[in-house]
Amino acid sequence: MSASATIGTAVLTREDPEKGHRTRVFLAWMLALAVVLVIAGYGWDYYALSAAQRPFSPKHQLLRPSGTIGVKLGMVGVLMFVLI
């Protein structure tokens, strides 16, 4: 008696190899959009002021270009350019 056995190899194929990349890009885009909307929502009253009135706003130390948030946003921008 001889029994023949066939061994099949299971190959897992992805339907779309770019799907994971597109998902990560979409999530990064949504995160960036959320950050911009949060900062814009928080600083709306500051950004609506004229340039002459902004230094008198309590949010000036945070939102000015050389302020706490401004410097960190600048560092994130430089990091993004380095990663590209």
N, C-alpha and C. Protein backbone atom coordinates (compact mmCIF):
# COMPACT_ATOMS: atom_id res chain seq x y z
N MET A 1 0.82 -1.18 0.00
CA MET A 1 0.00 0.00 0.00
C MET A 1 0.86 1.25 0.00
N SER A 2 0.55 2.05 -0.90
CA SER A 2 1.29 3.30 -0.91
C SER A 2 0.29 4.44 -0.94
N ALA A 3 0.56 5.37 -0.11
CA ALA A 3 -0.32 6.54 -0.04
C ALA A 3 0.50 7.75 -0.44
N SER A 4 0.01 8.49 -1.36
CA SER A 4 0.74 9.69 -1.76
C SER A 4 0.13 10.90 -1.06
N ALA A 5 0.98 11.67 -0.56
CA ALA A 5 0.53 12.88 0.14
C ALA A 5 1.04 14.10 -0.61
N THR A 6 0.21 15.03 -0.77
CA THR A 6 0.64 16.27 -1.40
C THR A 6 0.69 17.36 -0.35
N ILE A 7 1.75 18.06 -0.38
CA ILE A 7 1.93 19.17 0.56
C ILE A 7 1.83 20.46 -0.24
N GLY A 8 0.87 21.21 0.10
CA GLY A 8 0.69 22.49 -0.57
C GLY A 8 1.28 23.61 0.28
N THR A 9 1.80 24.58 -0.37
CA THR A 9 2.33 25.72 0.37
C THR A 9 1.28 26.82 0.37
N ALA A 10 1.06 27.33 1.53
CA ALA A 10 0.09 28.41 1.65
C ALA A 10 0.84 29.73 1.52
N VAL A 11 0.49 30.46 0.53
CA VAL A 11 1.11 31.76 0.31
C VAL A 11 0.07 32.82 0.63
N LEU A 12 0.43 33.64 1.58
CA LEU A 12 -0.48 34.72 1.94
C LEU A 12 -0.16 35.92 1.06
N THR A 13 -1.10 36.30 0.28
CA THR A 13 -0.90 37.46 -0.59
C THR A 13 -1.82 38.56 -0.12
N ARG A 14 -1.29 39.73 -0.20
CA ARG A 14 -2.10 40.89 0.14
C ARG A 14 -2.79 41.36 -1.13
N GLU A 15 -4.03 41.75 -0.98
CA GLU A 15 -4.76 42.23 -2.15
C GLU A 15 -4.11 43.50 -2.70
N ASP A 16 -3.78 44.41 -1.82
CA ASP A 16 -3.19 45.68 -2.24
C ASP A 16 -1.97 45.95 -1.37
N PRO A 17 -0.77 45.82 -1.90
CA PRO A 17 0.42 46.02 -1.08
C PRO A 17 0.60 47.46 -0.62
N GLU A 18 -0.04 48.41 -1.24
CA GLU A 18 0.08 49.81 -0.85
C GLU A 18 -0.94 50.23 0.21
N LYS A 19 -1.84 49.34 0.58
CA LYS A 19 -2.91 49.70 1.51
C LYS A 19 -2.36 50.14 2.86
N GLY A 20 -1.37 49.44 3.39
CA GLY A 20 -0.78 49.81 4.67
C GLY A 20 -0.14 51.17 4.62
N HIS A 21 0.56 51.46 3.52
CA HIS A 21 1.20 52.77 3.37
C HIS A 21 0.15 53.87 3.30
N ARG A 22 -0.89 53.63 2.51
CA ARG A 22 -1.95 54.64 2.39
C ARG A 22 -2.64 54.88 3.72
N THR A 23 -2.80 53.83 4.50
CA THR A 23 -3.43 53.97 5.82
C THR A 23 -2.56 54.83 6.73
N ARG A 24 -1.25 54.58 6.75
CA ARG A 24 -0.35 55.37 7.58
C ARG A 24 -0.30 56.82 7.14
N VAL A 25 -0.29 57.06 5.84
CA VAL A 25 -0.28 58.43 5.33
C VAL A 25 -1.58 59.14 5.71
N PHE A 26 -2.70 58.44 5.59
CA PHE A 26 -3.98 59.03 5.95
C PHE A 26 -4.03 59.37 7.44
N LEU A 27 -3.55 58.48 8.29
CA LEU A 27 -3.54 58.75 9.73
C LEU A 27 -2.62 59.92 10.08
N ALA A 28 -1.47 60.00 9.42
CA ALA A 28 -0.56 61.13 9.66
C ALA A 28 -1.20 62.43 9.22
N TRP A 29 -1.90 62.39 8.09
CA TRP A 29 -2.58 63.58 7.58
C TRP A 29 -3.68 64.03 8.55
N MET A 30 -4.43 63.07 9.05
CA MET A 30 -5.50 63.40 10.00
C MET A 30 -4.93 63.96 11.31
N LEU A 31 -3.82 63.41 11.79
CA LEU A 31 -3.18 63.92 12.99
C LEU A 31 -2.70 65.36 12.79
N ALA A 32 -2.07 65.62 11.64
CA ALA A 32 -1.60 66.97 11.34
C ALA A 32 -2.78 67.95 11.26
N LEU A 33 -3.85 67.53 10.62
CA LEU A 33 -5.03 68.38 10.53
C LEU A 33 -5.63 68.65 11.91
N ALA A 34 -5.66 67.63 12.76
CA ALA A 34 -6.20 67.80 14.11
C ALA A 34 -5.35 68.79 14.92
N VAL A 35 -4.03 68.70 14.78
CA VAL A 35 -3.15 69.63 15.51
C VAL A 35 -3.38 71.06 15.04
N VAL A 36 -3.48 71.24 13.74
CA VAL A 36 -3.72 72.59 13.21
C VAL A 36 -5.06 73.13 13.69
N LEU A 37 -6.09 72.31 13.67
CA LEU A 37 -7.42 72.76 14.12
C LEU A 37 -7.44 73.07 15.61
N VAL A 38 -6.75 72.27 16.41
CA VAL A 38 -6.71 72.54 17.86
C VAL A 38 -5.99 73.85 18.14
N ILE A 39 -4.85 74.07 17.50
CA ILE A 39 -4.11 75.32 17.73
C ILE A 39 -4.90 76.51 17.21
N ALA A 40 -5.54 76.36 16.06
CA ALA A 40 -6.34 77.46 15.52
C ALA A 40 -7.55 77.74 16.42
N GLY A 41 -8.17 76.70 16.94
CA GLY A 41 -9.31 76.90 17.84
C GLY A 41 -8.90 77.56 19.14
N TYR A 42 -7.75 77.13 19.68
CA TYR A 42 -7.27 77.72 20.93
C TYR A 42 -6.86 79.18 20.74
N GLY A 43 -6.21 79.48 19.62
CA GLY A 43 -5.69 80.82 19.42
C GLY A 43 -6.53 81.71 18.55
N TRP A 44 -7.78 81.33 18.30
CA TRP A 44 -8.61 82.12 17.39
C TRP A 44 -8.72 83.58 17.83
N ASP A 45 -8.95 83.81 19.10
CA ASP A 45 -9.08 85.20 19.56
C ASP A 45 -7.73 85.93 19.48
N TYR A 46 -6.63 85.21 19.64
CA TYR A 46 -5.30 85.83 19.52
C TYR A 46 -5.00 86.18 18.06
N TYR A 47 -5.26 85.24 17.15
CA TYR A 47 -4.96 85.47 15.74
C TYR A 47 -5.90 86.50 15.11
N ALA A 48 -7.04 86.74 15.70
CA ALA A 48 -7.97 87.73 15.18
C ALA A 48 -7.56 89.15 15.57
N LEU A 49 -6.66 89.29 16.53
CA LEU A 49 -6.20 90.61 16.94
C LEU A 49 -5.26 91.20 15.89
N SER A 50 -5.17 92.53 15.90
CA SER A 50 -4.19 93.16 15.01
C SER A 50 -2.79 92.94 15.57
N ALA A 51 -1.79 93.16 14.74
CA ALA A 51 -0.40 92.96 15.16
C ALA A 51 -0.03 93.88 16.32
N ALA A 52 -0.63 95.06 16.39
CA ALA A 52 -0.34 96.01 17.46
C ALA A 52 -0.96 95.57 18.79
N GLN A 53 -2.07 94.82 18.74
CA GLN A 53 -2.76 94.39 19.97
C GLN A 53 -2.29 93.05 20.49
N ARG A 54 -1.64 92.25 19.67
CA ARG A 54 -1.24 90.90 20.08
C ARG A 54 -0.30 90.87 21.29
N PRO A 55 0.67 91.78 21.41
CA PRO A 55 1.55 91.71 22.59
C PRO A 55 0.82 91.87 23.93
N PHE A 56 -0.37 92.44 23.92
CA PHE A 56 -1.12 92.65 25.15
C PHE A 56 -2.06 91.48 25.48
N SER A 57 -2.10 90.49 24.63
CA SER A 57 -2.95 89.33 24.86
C SER A 57 -2.26 88.38 25.84
N PRO A 58 -3.03 87.73 26.73
CA PRO A 58 -2.43 86.77 27.66
C PRO A 58 -1.85 85.53 26.95
N LYS A 59 -2.26 85.28 25.72
CA LYS A 59 -1.76 84.13 24.97
C LYS A 59 -0.51 84.46 24.14
N HIS A 60 -0.04 85.69 24.22
CA HIS A 60 1.07 86.13 23.39
C HIS A 60 2.35 85.32 23.66
N GLN A 61 2.65 85.02 24.92
CA GLN A 61 3.87 84.29 25.25
C GLN A 61 3.85 82.87 24.67
N LEU A 62 2.68 82.30 24.52
CA LEU A 62 2.59 80.95 23.97
C LEU A 62 2.57 80.93 22.44
N LEU A 63 1.79 81.82 21.83
CA LEU A 63 1.48 81.70 20.41
C LEU A 63 2.33 82.56 19.48
N ARG A 64 3.13 83.45 20.01
CA ARG A 64 3.98 84.25 19.12
C ARG A 64 5.00 83.32 18.45
N PRO A 65 5.58 83.72 17.33
CA PRO A 65 6.51 82.84 16.62
C PRO A 65 7.69 82.38 17.47
N SER A 66 8.17 83.21 18.37
CA SER A 66 9.29 82.81 19.23
C SER A 66 8.81 82.36 20.61
N GLY A 67 7.52 82.11 20.73
CA GLY A 67 6.95 81.66 22.00
C GLY A 67 7.08 80.16 22.17
N THR A 68 6.51 79.66 23.23
CA THR A 68 6.62 78.25 23.57
C THR A 68 6.09 77.34 22.47
N ILE A 69 4.88 77.60 22.02
CA ILE A 69 4.28 76.75 20.97
C ILE A 69 4.93 77.03 19.62
N GLY A 70 5.23 78.29 19.34
CA GLY A 70 5.83 78.65 18.05
C GLY A 70 7.17 77.97 17.81
N VAL A 71 8.02 77.93 18.83
CA VAL A 71 9.34 77.30 18.68
C VAL A 71 9.18 75.79 18.47
N LYS A 72 8.27 75.18 19.23
CA LYS A 72 8.06 73.73 19.07
C LYS A 72 7.50 73.39 17.70
N LEU A 73 6.61 74.22 17.18
CA LEU A 73 6.10 73.99 15.83
C LEU A 73 7.20 74.15 14.80
N GLY A 74 8.11 75.09 15.02
CA GLY A 74 9.25 75.26 14.13
C GLY A 74 10.15 74.03 14.14
N MET A 75 10.38 73.46 15.32
CA MET A 75 11.21 72.26 15.41
C MET A 75 10.54 71.07 14.71
N VAL A 76 9.23 70.96 14.85
CA VAL A 76 8.51 69.89 14.16
C VAL A 76 8.62 70.07 12.65
N GLY A 77 8.54 71.31 12.17
CA GLY A 77 8.67 71.58 10.74
C GLY A 77 10.05 71.20 10.22
N VAL A 78 11.09 71.55 10.98
CA VAL A 78 12.45 71.18 10.56
C VAL A 78 12.61 69.67 10.56
N LEU A 79 12.08 68.99 11.56
CA LEU A 79 12.15 67.54 11.63
C LEU A 79 11.45 66.91 10.42
N MET A 80 10.32 67.47 10.02
CA MET A 80 9.61 66.93 8.87
C MET A 80 10.45 67.08 7.59
N PHE A 81 11.13 68.22 7.44
CA PHE A 81 11.99 68.40 6.28
C PHE A 81 13.17 67.43 6.30
N VAL A 82 13.72 67.19 7.47
CA VAL A 82 14.84 66.24 7.59
C VAL A 82 14.37 64.83 7.22
N LEU A 83 13.18 64.46 7.64
CA LEU A 83 12.66 63.12 7.34
C LEU A 83 12.37 62.94 5.86
N ILE A 84 12.01 64.02 5.19
CA ILE A 84 11.74 63.92 3.75
C ILE A 84 13.04 63.66 3.03
